[in-house]
PDB file of N, CA and C in Angstrom:
ATOM      1  N   MET A   1      67.435 120.533  90.446  1.00  0.00           N
ATOM      2  CA  MET A   1      68.211 119.412  90.979  1.00  0.00           C
ATOM      3  C   MET A   1      69.453 119.831  91.717  1.00  0.00           C
ATOM      4  N   ALA A   2      69.692 119.518  92.929  1.00  0.00           N
ATOM      5  CA  ALA A   2      70.946 119.824  93.614  1.00  0.00           C
ATOM      6  C   ALA A   2      72.149 119.236  92.887  1.00  0.00           C
ATOM      7  N   GLU A   3      73.275 119.654  93.309  1.00  0.00           N
ATOM      8  CA  GLU A   3      74.543 118.996  92.662  1.00  0.00           C
ATOM      9  C   GLU A   3      74.755 117.715  93.341  1.00  0.00           C
ATOM     10  N   GLN A   4      75.356 116.857  92.605  1.00  0.00           N
ATOM     11  CA  GLN A   4      75.747 115.508  93.005  1.00  0.00           C
ATOM     12  C   GLN A   4      77.007 115.094  92.496  1.00  0.00           C
ATOM     13  N   LEU A   5      77.579 114.079  93.086  1.00  0.00           N
ATOM     14  CA  LEU A   5      78.911 113.530  92.510  1.00  0.00           C
ATOM     15  C   LEU A   5      78.516 112.289  91.813  1.00  0.00           C
ATOM     16  N   ASP A   6      78.665 112.280  90.533  1.00  0.00           N
ATOM     17  CA  ASP A   6      78.317 110.878  89.646  1.00  0.00           C
ATOM     18  C   ASP A   6      79.521 110.088  89.586  1.00  0.00           C
ATOM     19  N   LEU A   7      79.552 108.837  90.154  1.00  0.00           N
ATOM     20  CA  LEU A   7      80.634 108.059  90.388  1.00  0.00           C
ATOM     21  C   LEU A   7      81.080 107.376  88.989  1.00  0.00           C
ATOM     22  N   THR A   8      82.482 107.401  88.742  1.00  0.00           N
ATOM     23  CA  THR A   8      83.007 106.753  87.583  1.00  0.00           C
ATOM     24  C   THR A   8      82.719 105.308  87.577  1.00  0.00           C
ATOM     25  N   ALA A   9      82.769 104.646  88.645  1.00  0.00           N
ATOM     26  CA  ALA A   9      82.393 103.169  88.761  1.00  0.00           C
ATOM     27  C   ALA A   9      81.360 103.095  89.942  1.00  0.00           C
ATOM     28  N   ALA A  10      80.268 102.447  89.650  1.00  0.00           N
ATOM     29  CA  ALA A  10      79.169 102.233  90.752  1.00  0.00           C
ATOM     30  C   ALA A  10      79.719 101.473  91.814  1.00  0.00           C
ATOM     31  N   ILE A  11      79.224 101.634  93.005  1.00  0.00           N
ATOM     32  CA  ILE A  11      79.480 100.779  94.070  1.00  0.00           C
ATOM     33  C   ILE A  11      78.510  99.646  94.196  1.00  0.00           C
ATOM     34  N   VAL A  12      79.078  98.482  94.135  1.00  0.00           N
ATOM     35  CA  VAL A  12      78.320  97.236  93.993  1.00  0.00           C
ATOM     36  C   VAL A  12      78.355  96.427  95.455  1.00  0.00           C
ATOM     37  N   PRO A  13      77.441  95.879  95.811  1.00  0.00           N
ATOM     38  CA  PRO A  13      76.217  95.363  95.166  1.00  0.00           C
ATOM     39  C   PRO A  13      75.072  96.284  95.145  1.00  0.00           C
ATOM     40  N   ALA A  14      75.143  97.361  95.836  1.00  0.00           N
ATOM     41  CA  ALA A  14      73.977  98.303  96.096  1.00  0.00           C
ATOM     42  C   ALA A  14      73.675  99.053  94.887  1.00  0.00           C
ATOM     43  N   SER A  15      74.711  99.188  93.950  1.00  0.00           N
ATOM     44  CA  SER A  15      74.497  99.885  92.751  1.00  0.00           C
ATOM     45  C   SER A  15      74.340 101.363  93.041  1.00  0.00           C
ATOM     46  N   ARG A  16      75.304 101.854  93.832  1.00  0.00           N
ATOM     47  CA  ARG A  16      75.266 103.370  94.265  1.00  0.00           C
ATOM     48  C   ARG A  16      76.036 104.079  93.155  1.00  0.00           C
ATOM     49  N   THR A  17      75.306 104.958  92.565  1.00  0.00           N
ATOM     50  CA  THR A  17      75.957 105.772  91.330  1.00  0.00           C
ATOM     51  C   THR A  17      76.167 107.219  91.617  1.00  0.00           C
ATOM     52  N   ASN A  18      75.713 107.735  92.899  1.00  0.00           N
ATOM     53  CA  ASN A  18      76.076 109.157  93.105  1.00  0.00           C
ATOM     54  C   ASN A  18      75.787 109.443  94.464  1.00  0.00           C
ATOM     55  N   TYR A  19      76.246 110.539  94.911  1.00  0.00           N
ATOM     56  CA  TYR A  19      76.093 111.137  96.207  1.00  0.00           C
ATOM     57  C   TYR A  19      75.612 112.487  96.277  1.00  0.00           C
ATOM     58  N   THR A  20      74.887 112.885  97.187  1.00  0.00           N
ATOM     59  CA  THR A  20      74.506 114.342  97.298  1.00  0.00           C
ATOM     60  C   THR A  20      74.659 114.655  98.829  1.00  0.00           C
ATOM     61  N   VAL A  21      75.239 115.950  99.021  1.00  0.00           N
ATOM     62  CA  VAL A  21      75.432 116.449 100.386  1.00  0.00           C
ATOM     63  C   VAL A  21      73.999 116.745 100.906  1.00  0.00           C
ATOM     64  N   VAL A  22      73.816 116.212 102.271  1.00  0.00           N
ATOM     65  CA  VAL A  22      72.524 116.616 102.801  1.00  0.00           C
ATOM     66  C   VAL A  22      72.654 117.329 104.194  1.00  0.00           C
ATOM     67  N   ARG A  23      73.887 117.285 104.788  1.00  0.00           N
ATOM     68  CA  ARG A  23      74.062 118.174 105.891  1.00  0.00           C
ATOM     69  C   ARG A  23      75.546 118.414 106.174  1.00  0.00           C
ATOM     70  N   MET A  24      75.964 119.527 106.595  1.00  0.00           N
ATOM     71  CA  MET A  24      77.256 119.894 106.952  1.00  0.00           C
ATOM     72  C   MET A  24      77.371 120.667 108.356  1.00  0.00           C
ATOM     73  N   VAL A  25      78.391 120.350 109.203  1.00  0.00           N
ATOM     74  CA  VAL A  25      78.546 121.068 110.383  1.00  0.00           C
ATOM     75  C   VAL A  25      79.883 121.552 110.280  1.00  0.00           C
ATOM     76  N   LEU A  26      80.000 122.870 110.401  1.00  0.00           N
ATOM     77  CA  LEU A  26      81.346 123.614 110.473  1.00  0.00           C
ATOM     78  C   LEU A  26      81.618 124.113 111.833  1.00  0.00           C
ATOM     79  N   ASP A  27      82.416 123.380 112.601  1.00  0.00           N
ATOM     80  CA  ASP A  27      82.495 123.612 113.951  1.00  0.00           C
ATOM     81  C   ASP A  27      83.946 124.230 114.249  1.00  0.00           C
ATOM     82  N   TRP A  28      84.045 125.557 114.114  1.00  0.00           N
ATOM     83  CA  TRP A  28      85.406 126.236 114.391  1.00  0.00           C
ATOM     84  C   TRP A  28      85.933 125.945 115.629  1.00  0.00           C
ATOM     85  N   PRO A  29      85.303 126.118 116.816  1.00  0.00           N
ATOM     86  CA  PRO A  29      85.928 125.904 118.221  1.00  0.00           C
ATOM     87  C   PRO A  29      86.460 124.466 118.334  1.00  0.00           C
ATOM     88  N   ALA A  30      85.874 123.432 117.717  1.00  0.00           N
ATOM     89  CA  ALA A  30      86.258 121.990 117.892  1.00  0.00           C
ATOM     90  C   ALA A  30      87.209 121.654 116.734  1.00  0.00           C
ATOM     91  N   ALA A  31      87.499 122.679 115.781  1.00  0.00           N
ATOM     92  CA  ALA A  31      88.238 122.391 114.595  1.00  0.00           C
ATOM     93  C   ALA A  31      87.763 121.089 113.942  1.00  0.00           C
ATOM     94  N   ALA A  32      86.626 121.071 113.592  1.00  0.00           N
ATOM     95  CA  ALA A  32      85.872 119.847 112.936  1.00  0.00           C
ATOM     96  C   ALA A  32      84.834 120.267 111.862  1.00  0.00           C
ATOM     97  N   ILE A  33      84.910 119.441 110.724  1.00  0.00           N
ATOM     98  CA  ILE A  33      83.889 119.613 109.763  1.00  0.00           C
ATOM     99  C   ILE A  33      83.148 118.069 109.515  1.00  0.00           C
ATOM    100  N   GLN A  34      81.915 118.132 109.676  1.00  0.00           N
ATOM    101  CA  GLN A  34      81.146 116.753 109.594  1.00  0.00           C
ATOM    102  C   GLN A  34      80.392 116.965 108.473  1.00  0.00           C
ATOM    103  N   ILE A  35      80.263 115.983 107.575  1.00  0.00           N
ATOM    104  CA  ILE A  35      79.507 116.027 106.430  1.00  0.00           C
ATOM    105  C   ILE A  35      78.692 114.663 106.284  1.00  0.00           C
ATOM    106  N   TRP A  36      77.394 114.787 106.014  1.00  0.00           N
ATOM    107  CA  TRP A  36      76.554 113.636 105.710  1.00  0.00           C
ATOM    108  C   TRP A  36      76.119 113.735 104.230  1.00  0.00           C
ATOM    109  N   LEU A  37      76.224 112.541 103.554  1.00  0.00           N
ATOM    110  CA  LEU A  37      75.823 112.466 102.254  1.00  0.00           C
ATOM    111  C   LEU A  37      74.822 111.238 102.079  1.00  0.00           C
ATOM    112  N   HIS A  38      74.009 111.420 101.123  1.00  0.00           N
ATOM    113  CA  HIS A  38      73.064 110.222 100.758  1.00  0.00           C
ATOM    114  C   HIS A  38      73.509 109.741  99.382  1.00  0.00           C
ATOM    115  N   GLY A  39      73.632 108.381  99.312  1.00  0.00           N
ATOM    116  CA  GLY A  39      73.929 107.682  98.042  1.00  0.00           C
ATOM    117  C   GLY A  39      72.602 107.523  97.363  1.00  0.00           C
ATOM    118  N   SER A  40      72.678 107.358  96.142  1.00  0.00           N
ATOM    119  CA  SER A  40      71.559 107.084  95.246  1.00  0.00           C
ATOM    120  C   SER A  40      70.790 105.833  95.588  1.00  0.00           C
ATOM    121  N   ASP A  41      71.382 104.924  96.337  1.00  0.00           N
ATOM    122  CA  ASP A  41      70.742 103.653  96.878  1.00  0.00           C
ATOM    123  C   ASP A  41      70.108 103.903  98.234  1.00  0.00           C
ATOM    124  N   GLY A  42      70.068 105.109  98.716  1.00  0.00           N
ATOM    125  CA  GLY A  42      69.532 105.415 100.047  1.00  0.00           C
ATOM    126  C   GLY A  42      70.503 105.339 101.125  1.00  0.00           C
ATOM    127  N   ALA A  43      71.785 104.858 100.971  1.00  0.00           N
ATOM    128  CA  ALA A  43      72.611 104.728 102.057  1.00  0.00           C
ATOM    129  C   ALA A  43      73.157 106.161 102.447  1.00  0.00           C
ATOM    130  N   GLU A  44      73.343 106.200 103.811  1.00  0.00           N
ATOM    131  CA  GLU A  44      73.909 107.455 104.378  1.00  0.00           C
ATOM    132  C   GLU A  44      75.376 107.290 104.541  1.00  0.00           C
ATOM    133  N   VAL A  45      76.155 108.279 104.096  1.00  0.00           N
ATOM    134  CA  VAL A  45      77.545 108.131 104.235  1.00  0.00           C
ATOM    135  C   VAL A  45      78.096 109.432 105.056  1.00  0.00           C
ATOM    136  N   PHE A  46      79.028 109.162 106.033  1.00  0.00           N
ATOM    137  CA  PHE A  46      79.583 110.249 106.702  1.00  0.00           C
ATOM    138  C   PHE A  46      80.978 110.478 106.498  1.00  0.00           C
ATOM    139  N   ALA A  47      81.377 111.663 106.431  1.00  0.00           N
ATOM    140  CA  ALA A  47      82.846 112.002 106.314  1.00  0.00           C
ATOM    141  C   ALA A  47      83.220 113.137 107.279  1.00  0.00           C
ATOM    142  N   GLU A  48      84.369 113.032 107.737  1.00  0.00           N
ATOM    143  CA  GLU A  48      84.769 114.080 108.730  1.00  0.00           C
ATOM    144  C   GLU A  48      86.195 114.480 108.481  1.00  0.00           C
ATOM    145  N   TYR A  49      86.439 115.751 108.881  1.00  0.00           N
ATOM    146  CA  TYR A  49      87.881 116.374 109.054  1.00  0.00           C
ATOM    147  C   TYR A  49      87.957 116.846 110.396  1.00  0.00           C
ATOM    148  N   THR A  50      89.032 116.623 110.990  1.00  0.00           N
ATOM    149  CA  THR A  50      89.273 117.159 112.291  1.00  0.00           C
ATOM    150  C   THR A  50      90.743 117.858 112.392  1.00  0.00           C
ATOM    151  N   GLY A  51      90.920 118.570 113.372  1.00  0.00           N
ATOM    152  CA  GLY A  51      92.273 119.082 113.819  1.00  0.00           C
ATOM    153  C   GLY A  51      92.738 120.116 112.640  1.00  0.00           C
ATOM    154  N   ALA A  52      94.007 120.011 112.426  1.00  0.00           N
ATOM    155  CA  ALA A  52      94.675 120.972 111.426  1.00  0.00           C
ATOM    156  C   ALA A  52      94.034 120.895 110.051  1.00  0.00           C
ATOM    157  N   ALA A  53      93.648 119.633 109.529  1.00  0.00           N
ATOM    158  CA  ALA A  53      93.061 119.487 108.200  1.00  0.00           C
ATOM    159  C   ALA A  53      91.648 120.219 108.228  1.00  0.00           C
ATOM    160  N   ALA A  54      90.963 120.159 109.273  1.00  0.00           N
ATOM    161  CA  ALA A  54      89.653 120.861 109.325  1.00  0.00           C
ATOM    162  C   ALA A  54      89.814 122.402 109.413  1.00  0.00           C
ATOM    163  N   THR A  55      90.771 122.742 110.177  1.00  0.00           N
ATOM    164  CA  THR A  55      91.047 124.249 110.205  1.00  0.00           C
ATOM    165  C   THR A  55      91.442 124.848 108.813  1.00  0.00           C
ATOM    166  N   THR A  56      92.340 124.156 108.222  1.00  0.00           N
ATOM    167  CA  THR A  56      92.737 124.588 106.911  1.00  0.00           C
ATOM    168  C   THR A  56      91.646 124.630 105.954  1.00  0.00           C
ATOM    169  N   LEU A  57      90.695 123.645 105.905  1.00  0.00           N
ATOM    170  CA  LEU A  57      89.585 123.681 105.046  1.00  0.00           C
ATOM    171  C   LEU A  57      88.632 124.672 105.487  1.00  0.00           C
ATOM    172  N   LEU A  58      88.366 124.956 106.764  1.00  0.00           N
ATOM    173  CA  LEU A  58      87.453 126.001 107.206  1.00  0.00           C
ATOM    174  C   LEU A  58      87.961 127.427 106.658  1.00  0.00           C
ATOM    175  N   ILE A  59      89.159 127.550 106.825  1.00  0.00           N
ATOM    176  CA  ILE A  59      89.709 128.894 106.396  1.00  0.00           C
ATOM    177  C   ILE A  59      89.549 129.064 104.775  1.00  0.00           C
ATOM    178  N   ALA A  60      89.946 127.864 104.145  1.00  0.00           N
ATOM    179  CA  ALA A  60      89.785 127.955 102.679  1.00  0.00           C
ATOM    180  C   ALA A  60      88.319 128.194 102.180  1.00  0.00           C
ATOM    181  N   PHE A  61      87.338 127.438 102.847  1.00  0.00           N
ATOM    182  CA  PHE A  61      86.000 127.576 102.508  1.00  0.00           C
ATOM    183  C   PHE A  61      85.451 128.943 102.826  1.00  0.00           C
ATOM    184  N   ASN A  62      86.050 129.610 103.882  1.00  0.00           N
ATOM    185  CA  ASN A  62      85.628 130.893 104.284  1.00  0.00           C
ATOM    186  C   ASN A  62      86.068 132.070 103.358  1.00  0.00           C
ATOM    187  N   LYS A  63      87.196 131.723 102.537  1.00  0.00           N
ATOM    188  CA  LYS A  63      87.692 132.738 101.655  1.00  0.00           C
ATOM    189  C   LYS A  63      87.383 132.535 100.189  1.00  0.00           C
ATOM    190  N   VAL A  64      86.650 131.519  99.889  1.00  0.00           N
ATOM    191  CA  VAL A  64      86.424 131.246  98.363  1.00  0.00           C
ATOM    192  C   VAL A  64      85.329 132.117  97.774  1.00  0.00           C
ATOM    193  N   ASN A  65      85.326 132.208  96.417  1.00  0.00           N
ATOM    194  CA  ASN A  65      84.298 132.904  95.786  1.00  0.00           C
ATOM    195  C   ASN A  65      83.255 132.018  95.314  1.00  0.00           C
ATOM    196  N   LEU A  66      82.158 131.928  96.045  1.00  0.00           N
ATOM    197  CA  LEU A  66      81.204 130.911  95.771  1.00  0.00           C
ATOM    198  C   LEU A  66      80.311 131.231  94.442  1.00  0.00           C
ATOM    199  N   SER A  67      80.646 132.429  93.931  1.00  0.00           N
ATOM    200  CA  SER A  67      79.878 132.718  92.647  1.00  0.00           C
ATOM    201  C   SER A  67      80.552 131.920  91.463  1.00  0.00           C
ATOM    202  N   VAL A  68      81.733 131.494  91.645  1.00  0.00           N
ATOM    203  CA  VAL A  68      82.415 130.710  90.723  1.00  0.00           C
ATOM    204  C   VAL A  68      81.997 129.230  90.725  1.00  0.00           C
ATOM    205  N   LYS A  69      82.153 128.714  91.999  1.00  0.00           N
ATOM    206  CA  LYS A  69      81.824 127.249  92.217  1.00  0.00           C
ATOM    207  C   LYS A  69      81.074 127.227  93.588  1.00  0.00           C
ATOM    208  N   SER A  70      80.013 126.429  93.565  1.00  0.00           N
ATOM    209  CA  SER A  70      79.128 126.362  94.810  1.00  0.00           C
ATOM    210  C   SER A  70      79.987 125.731  96.026  1.00  0.00           C
ATOM    211  N   LEU A  71      79.415 125.861  97.270  1.00  0.00           N
ATOM    212  CA  LEU A  71      80.075 125.219  98.324  1.00  0.00           C
ATOM    213  C   LEU A  71      79.876 123.726  98.249  1.00  0.00           C
ATOM    214  N   GLN A  72      78.790 123.238  97.840  1.00  0.00           N
ATOM    215  CA  GLN A  72      78.507 121.805  97.659  1.00  0.00           C
ATOM    216  C   GLN A  72      79.478 121.258  96.742  1.00  0.00           C
ATOM    217  N   ARG A  73      79.680 121.859  95.525  1.00  0.00           N
ATOM    218  CA  ARG A  73      80.548 121.372  94.535  1.00  0.00           C
ATOM    219  C   ARG A  73      82.093 121.307  95.115  1.00  0.00           C
ATOM    220  N   ARG A  74      82.488 122.341  95.815  1.00  0.00           N
ATOM    221  CA  ARG A  74      83.791 122.329  96.388  1.00  0.00           C
ATOM    222  C   ARG A  74      84.052 121.171  97.480  1.00  0.00           C
ATOM    223  N   VAL A  75      82.860 120.967  98.216  1.00  0.00           N
ATOM    224  CA  VAL A  75      82.880 119.904  99.252  1.00  0.00           C
ATOM    225  C   VAL A  75      83.068 118.589  98.530  1.00  0.00           C
ATOM    226  N   LEU A  76      82.175 118.289  97.582  1.00  0.00           N
ATOM    227  CA  LEU A  76      82.269 117.045  96.801  1.00  0.00           C
ATOM    228  C   LEU A  76      83.707 116.724  96.248  1.00  0.00           C
ATOM    229  N   GLU A  77      84.194 117.893  95.509  1.00  0.00           N
ATOM    230  CA  GLU A  77      85.422 117.693  94.934  1.00  0.00           C
ATOM    231  C   GLU A  77      86.597 117.410  95.916  1.00  0.00           C
ATOM    232  N   GLN A  78      86.568 118.043  97.140  1.00  0.00           N
ATOM    233  CA  GLN A  78      87.461 117.846  98.224  1.00  0.00           C
ATOM    234  C   GLN A  78      87.449 116.627  98.708  1.00  0.00           C
ATOM    235  N   LEU A  79      86.220 116.026  98.892  1.00  0.00           N
ATOM    236  CA  LEU A  79      86.056 114.607  99.443  1.00  0.00           C
ATOM    237  C   LEU A  79      86.771 113.610  98.466  1.00  0.00           C
ATOM    238  N   VAL A  80      86.510 113.723  97.247  1.00  0.00           N
ATOM    239  CA  VAL A  80      87.146 112.890  96.172  1.00  0.00           C
ATOM    240  C   VAL A  80      88.623 113.126  96.188  1.00  0.00           C
ATOM    241  N   THR A  81      89.179 114.237  96.182  1.00  0.00           N
ATOM    242  CA  THR A  81      90.594 114.623  96.270  1.00  0.00           C
ATOM    243  C   THR A  81      91.142 113.863  97.486  1.00  0.00           C
ATOM    244  N   ASP A  82      90.505 113.784  98.634  1.00  0.00           N
ATOM    245  CA  ASP A  82      91.186 113.341  99.800  1.00  0.00           C
ATOM    246  C   ASP A  82      90.899 111.845 100.002  1.00  0.00           C
ATOM    247  N   GLY A  83      90.229 111.207  99.048  1.00  0.00           N
ATOM    248  CA  GLY A  83      89.981 109.795  99.021  1.00  0.00           C
ATOM    249  C   GLY A  83      88.790 109.464  99.924  1.00  0.00           C
ATOM    250  N   LYS A  84      87.968 110.292 100.390  1.00  0.00           N
ATOM    251  CA  LYS A  84      86.826 110.123 101.281  1.00  0.00           C
ATOM    252  C   LYS A  84      85.685 109.605 100.540  1.00  0.00           C
ATOM    253  N   LEU A  85      85.649 109.940  99.162  1.00  0.00           N
ATOM    254  CA  LEU A  85      84.778 109.391  98.274  1.00  0.00           C
ATOM    255  C   LEU A  85      85.393 108.871  97.013  1.00  0.00           C
ATOM    256  N   PRO A  86      84.673 107.850  96.349  1.00  0.00           N
ATOM    257  CA  PRO A  86      85.398 107.435  95.061  1.00  0.00           C
ATOM    258  C   PRO A  86      85.389 108.389  93.982  1.00  0.00           C
ATOM    259  N   ALA A  87      86.078 108.158  92.971  1.00  0.00           N
ATOM    260  CA  ALA A  87      86.175 109.081  91.863  1.00  0.00           C
ATOM    261  C   ALA A  87      84.876 109.214  91.120  1.00  0.00           C
ATOM    262  N   GLY A  88      84.570 110.450  90.651  1.00  0.00           N
ATOM    263  CA  GLY A  88      83.442 110.921  89.855  1.00  0.00           C
ATOM    264  C   GLY A  88      83.504 112.231  89.502  1.00  0.00           C
ATOM    265  N   SER A  89      82.509 112.836  88.886  1.00  0.00           N
ATOM    266  CA  SER A  89      82.376 114.186  88.411  1.00  0.00           C
ATOM    267  C   SER A  89      81.086 114.820  89.020  1.00  0.00           C
ATOM    268  N   VAL A  90      81.084 116.034  89.302  1.00  0.00           N
ATOM    269  CA  VAL A  90      80.082 116.766  89.852  1.00  0.00           C
ATOM    270  C   VAL A  90      79.091 117.114  88.806  1.00  0.00           C
ATOM    271  N   SER A  91      77.770 116.978  88.979  1.00  0.00           N
ATOM    272  CA  SER A  91      76.763 117.466  87.931  1.00  0.00           C
ATOM    273  C   SER A  91      75.633 118.095  88.667  1.00  0.00           C
ATOM    274  N   GLY A  92      74.817 118.755  87.924  1.00  0.00           N
ATOM    275  CA  GLY A  92      73.732 119.462  88.475  1.00  0.00           C
ATOM    276  C   GLY A  92      73.936 120.920  88.711  1.00  0.00           C
ATOM    277  N   ALA A  93      72.987 121.561  89.246  1.00  0.00           N
ATOM    278  CA  ALA A  93      73.045 123.010  89.476  1.00  0.00           C
ATOM    279  C   ALA A  93      72.868 123.295  90.989  1.00  0.00           C
ATOM    280  N   PRO A  94      73.447 124.251  91.455  1.00  0.00           N
ATOM    281  CA  PRO A  94      73.363 124.626  92.928  1.00  0.00           C
ATOM    282  C   PRO A  94      71.819 124.773  93.195  1.00  0.00           C
ATOM    283  N   ALA A  95      71.418 124.359  94.464  1.00  0.00           N
ATOM    284  CA  ALA A  95      70.010 124.352  94.803  1.00  0.00           C
ATOM    285  C   ALA A  95      69.730 125.726  95.425  1.00  0.00           C
TER     286      ALA A  95
END
């Protein structure tokens, strides 16, 4: 099973209880990060970082030790920290 973000409180009325990362675009020249996620209810969710925020994250992601924490886990945790996803905890193993 791929890693997923298990929500502390389900999104109602669709009863969305988790998200998984399905696609990421890391665009250095445009200073942009685009992330597509699927909710457990089948909904597709899009998140984006642009400009200085994207550049800062691109540099950070480029320097991290992914043997300690996977890229998907780091992305999900960052999206929660930045308020782009609701609170939750990451579960599952890297795919």
